[in-house]
Amino acid sequence: MVYDFLGFIGGFFYAVCFIPQLYSMFCGKNNNDVNIYYIYCQILGASFMISYGTLNQLLPIIILNAFTLFCLLIVLYKLYISTPD
C-alpha cells in the first residue's frame, strides 16, 4: 500500500510515547503525574493512524483511533484546566 508510512509513523509515536511517562515516574518527583509529552505523543500516534486508516479504507483503525483521540483530547483538556497558572 502506498500510505503504509503513515501507519509506521503512528506506530512509532505509540511505541515511544511511554518513554516520557516512564521517565517522569522513575526519575521525577511525583509518580501520580501524567507527563504532557506522553499525551502529545499519543495524540500524534492516533492522528497518523486515523490518516493511515482513512487513506487505506480501514474502518476498524479509523473508529478505534478516533475514539482514542477523543479520549486523549478530554484528558488534555482536564490537565490544562486543573493546572494552576
C-alpha atoms as a PDB file:
ATOM      1  CA  MET A   1       0.000   0.000   0.000  1.00  0.00           C
ATOM      2  CA  VAL A   2       1.162   3.471  -0.817  1.00  0.00           C
ATOM      3  CA  TYR A   3       0.374   5.064   2.541  1.00  0.00           C
ATOM      4  CA  ASP A   4       1.952   2.464   4.830  1.00  0.00           C
ATOM      5  CA  PHE A   5       4.442   5.048   6.070  1.00  0.00           C
ATOM      6  CA  LEU A   6       1.609   6.788   7.944  1.00  0.00           C
ATOM      7  CA  GLY A   7       0.918   3.570   9.827  1.00  0.00           C
ATOM      8  CA  PHE A   8       4.609   3.227  10.667  1.00  0.00           C
ATOM      9  CA  ILE A   9       4.782   6.838  11.912  1.00  0.00           C
ATOM     10  CA  GLY A  10       1.653   6.344  14.017  1.00  0.00           C
ATOM     11  CA  GLY A  11       3.025   3.101  15.414  1.00  0.00           C
ATOM     12  CA  PHE A  12       6.323   4.821  16.193  1.00  0.00           C
ATOM     13  CA  PHE A  13       4.582   7.512  18.257  1.00  0.00           C
ATOM     14  CA  TYR A  14       2.501   4.864  20.030  1.00  0.00           C
ATOM     15  CA  ALA A  15       5.676   2.930  20.834  1.00  0.00           C
ATOM     16  CA  VAL A  16       7.803   5.827  22.104  1.00  0.00           C
ATOM     17  CA  CYS A  17       5.024   7.647  23.946  1.00  0.00           C
ATOM     18  CA  PHE A  18       5.693   5.638  27.081  1.00  0.00           C
ATOM     19  CA  ILE A  19       9.293   6.855  27.413  1.00  0.00           C
ATOM     20  CA  PRO A  20       8.438  10.327  28.832  1.00  0.00           C
ATOM     21  CA  GLN A  21       5.855   8.822  31.181  1.00  0.00           C
ATOM     22  CA  LEU A  22       8.245   6.170  32.464  1.00  0.00           C
ATOM     23  CA  TYR A  23      10.987   8.755  32.878  1.00  0.00           C
ATOM     24  CA  SER A  24       8.775  11.053  34.939  1.00  0.00           C
ATOM     25  CA  MET A  25       7.581   8.111  37.052  1.00  0.00           C
ATOM     26  CA  PHE A  26      11.041   6.770  37.860  1.00  0.00           C
ATOM     27  CA  CYS A  27      13.131   9.953  37.781  1.00  0.00           C
ATOM     28  CA  GLY A  28      10.509  12.548  38.669  1.00  0.00           C
ATOM     29  CA  LYS A  29       9.257  13.753  41.988  1.00  0.00           C
ATOM     30  CA  ASN A  30       5.672  12.578  41.761  1.00  0.00           C
ATOM     31  CA  ASN A  31       4.582   9.162  40.454  1.00  0.00           C
ATOM     32  CA  ASN A  32       0.954  10.257  40.100  1.00  0.00           C
ATOM     33  CA  ASP A  33       1.520  12.962  37.473  1.00  0.00           C
ATOM     34  CA  VAL A  34       0.722  12.361  33.833  1.00  0.00           C
ATOM     35  CA  ASN A  35       3.513  13.571  31.579  1.00  0.00           C
ATOM     36  CA  ILE A  36       2.187  16.015  28.982  1.00  0.00           C
ATOM     37  CA  TYR A  37       4.605  14.697  26.335  1.00  0.00           C
ATOM     38  CA  TYR A  38       3.072  11.248  26.791  1.00  0.00           C
ATOM     39  CA  ILE A  39      -0.305  12.703  25.861  1.00  0.00           C
ATOM     40  CA  TYR A  40       1.144  14.641  22.912  1.00  0.00           C
ATOM     41  CA  CYS A  41       2.833  11.521  21.510  1.00  0.00           C
ATOM     42  CA  GLN A  42      -0.405   9.564  21.895  1.00  0.00           C
ATOM     43  CA  ILE A  43      -2.297  12.316  20.041  1.00  0.00           C
ATOM     44  CA  LEU A  44       0.262  12.284  17.218  1.00  0.00           C
ATOM     45  CA  GLY A  45       0.089   8.499  17.022  1.00  0.00           C
ATOM     46  CA  ALA A  46      -3.711   8.476  16.878  1.00  0.00           C
ATOM     47  CA  SER A  47      -3.741  11.235  14.251  1.00  0.00           C
ATOM     48  CA  PHE A  48      -1.338   9.395  11.959  1.00  0.00           C
ATOM     49  CA  MET A  49      -3.229   6.138  12.438  1.00  0.00           C
ATOM     50  CA  ILE A  50      -6.530   7.850  11.547  1.00  0.00           C
ATOM     51  CA  SER A  51      -4.884   9.220   8.385  1.00  0.00           C
ATOM     52  CA  TYR A  52      -3.496   5.775   7.571  1.00  0.00           C
ATOM     53  CA  GLY A  53      -6.877   4.135   8.133  1.00  0.00           C
ATOM     54  CA  THR A  54      -8.691   6.743   6.068  1.00  0.00           C
ATOM     55  CA  LEU A  55      -6.340   6.525   3.097  1.00  0.00           C
ATOM     56  CA  ASN A  56      -6.405   2.709   3.145  1.00  0.00           C
ATOM     57  CA  GLN A  57     -10.141   2.461   3.947  1.00  0.00           C
ATOM     58  CA  LEU A  58      -9.613   0.510   7.184  1.00  0.00           C
ATOM     59  CA  LEU A  59     -12.734   1.218   9.206  1.00  0.00           C
ATOM     60  CA  PRO A  60     -11.637  -0.504  12.464  1.00  0.00           C
ATOM     61  CA  ILE A  61      -8.418   1.545  12.525  1.00  0.00           C
ATOM     62  CA  ILE A  62     -10.356   4.754  11.918  1.00  0.00           C
ATOM     63  CA  ILE A  63     -13.025   4.107  14.558  1.00  0.00           C
ATOM     64  CA  LEU A  64     -10.728   2.906  17.334  1.00  0.00           C
ATOM     65  CA  ASN A  65      -8.154   5.638  16.859  1.00  0.00           C
ATOM     66  CA  ALA A  66     -10.825   8.332  16.566  1.00  0.00           C
ATOM     67  CA  PHE A  67     -12.216   7.175  19.900  1.00  0.00           C
ATOM     68  CA  THR A  68      -8.692   7.152  21.363  1.00  0.00           C
ATOM     69  CA  LEU A  69      -8.054  10.668  20.043  1.00  0.00           C
ATOM     70  CA  PHE A  70     -11.344  11.884  21.513  1.00  0.00           C
ATOM     71  CA  CYS A  71     -10.448  10.466  24.935  1.00  0.00           C
ATOM     72  CA  LEU A  72      -6.941  11.935  24.777  1.00  0.00           C
ATOM     73  CA  LEU A  73      -8.309  15.380  23.987  1.00  0.00           C
ATOM     74  CA  ILE A  74     -10.582  15.151  27.020  1.00  0.00           C
ATOM     75  CA  VAL A  75      -7.614  14.152  29.203  1.00  0.00           C
ATOM     76  CA  LEU A  76      -5.559  17.018  27.770  1.00  0.00           C
ATOM     77  CA  TYR A  77      -8.391  19.467  28.438  1.00  0.00           C
ATOM     78  CA  LYS A  78      -8.752  18.268  32.036  1.00  0.00           C
ATOM     79  CA  LEU A  79      -4.988  18.550  32.555  1.00  0.00           C
ATOM     80  CA  TYR A  80      -4.963  22.145  31.361  1.00  0.00           C
ATOM     81  CA  ILE A  81      -7.981  23.315  33.347  1.00  0.00           C
ATOM     82  CA  SER A  82      -6.721  21.666  36.533  1.00  0.00           C
ATOM     83  CA  THR A  83      -3.186  23.099  36.238  1.00  0.00           C
ATOM     84  CA  PRO A  84      -2.728  26.260  38.312  1.00  0.00           C
ATOM     85  CA  ASP A  85      -1.348  29.285  36.437  1.00  0.00           C
END
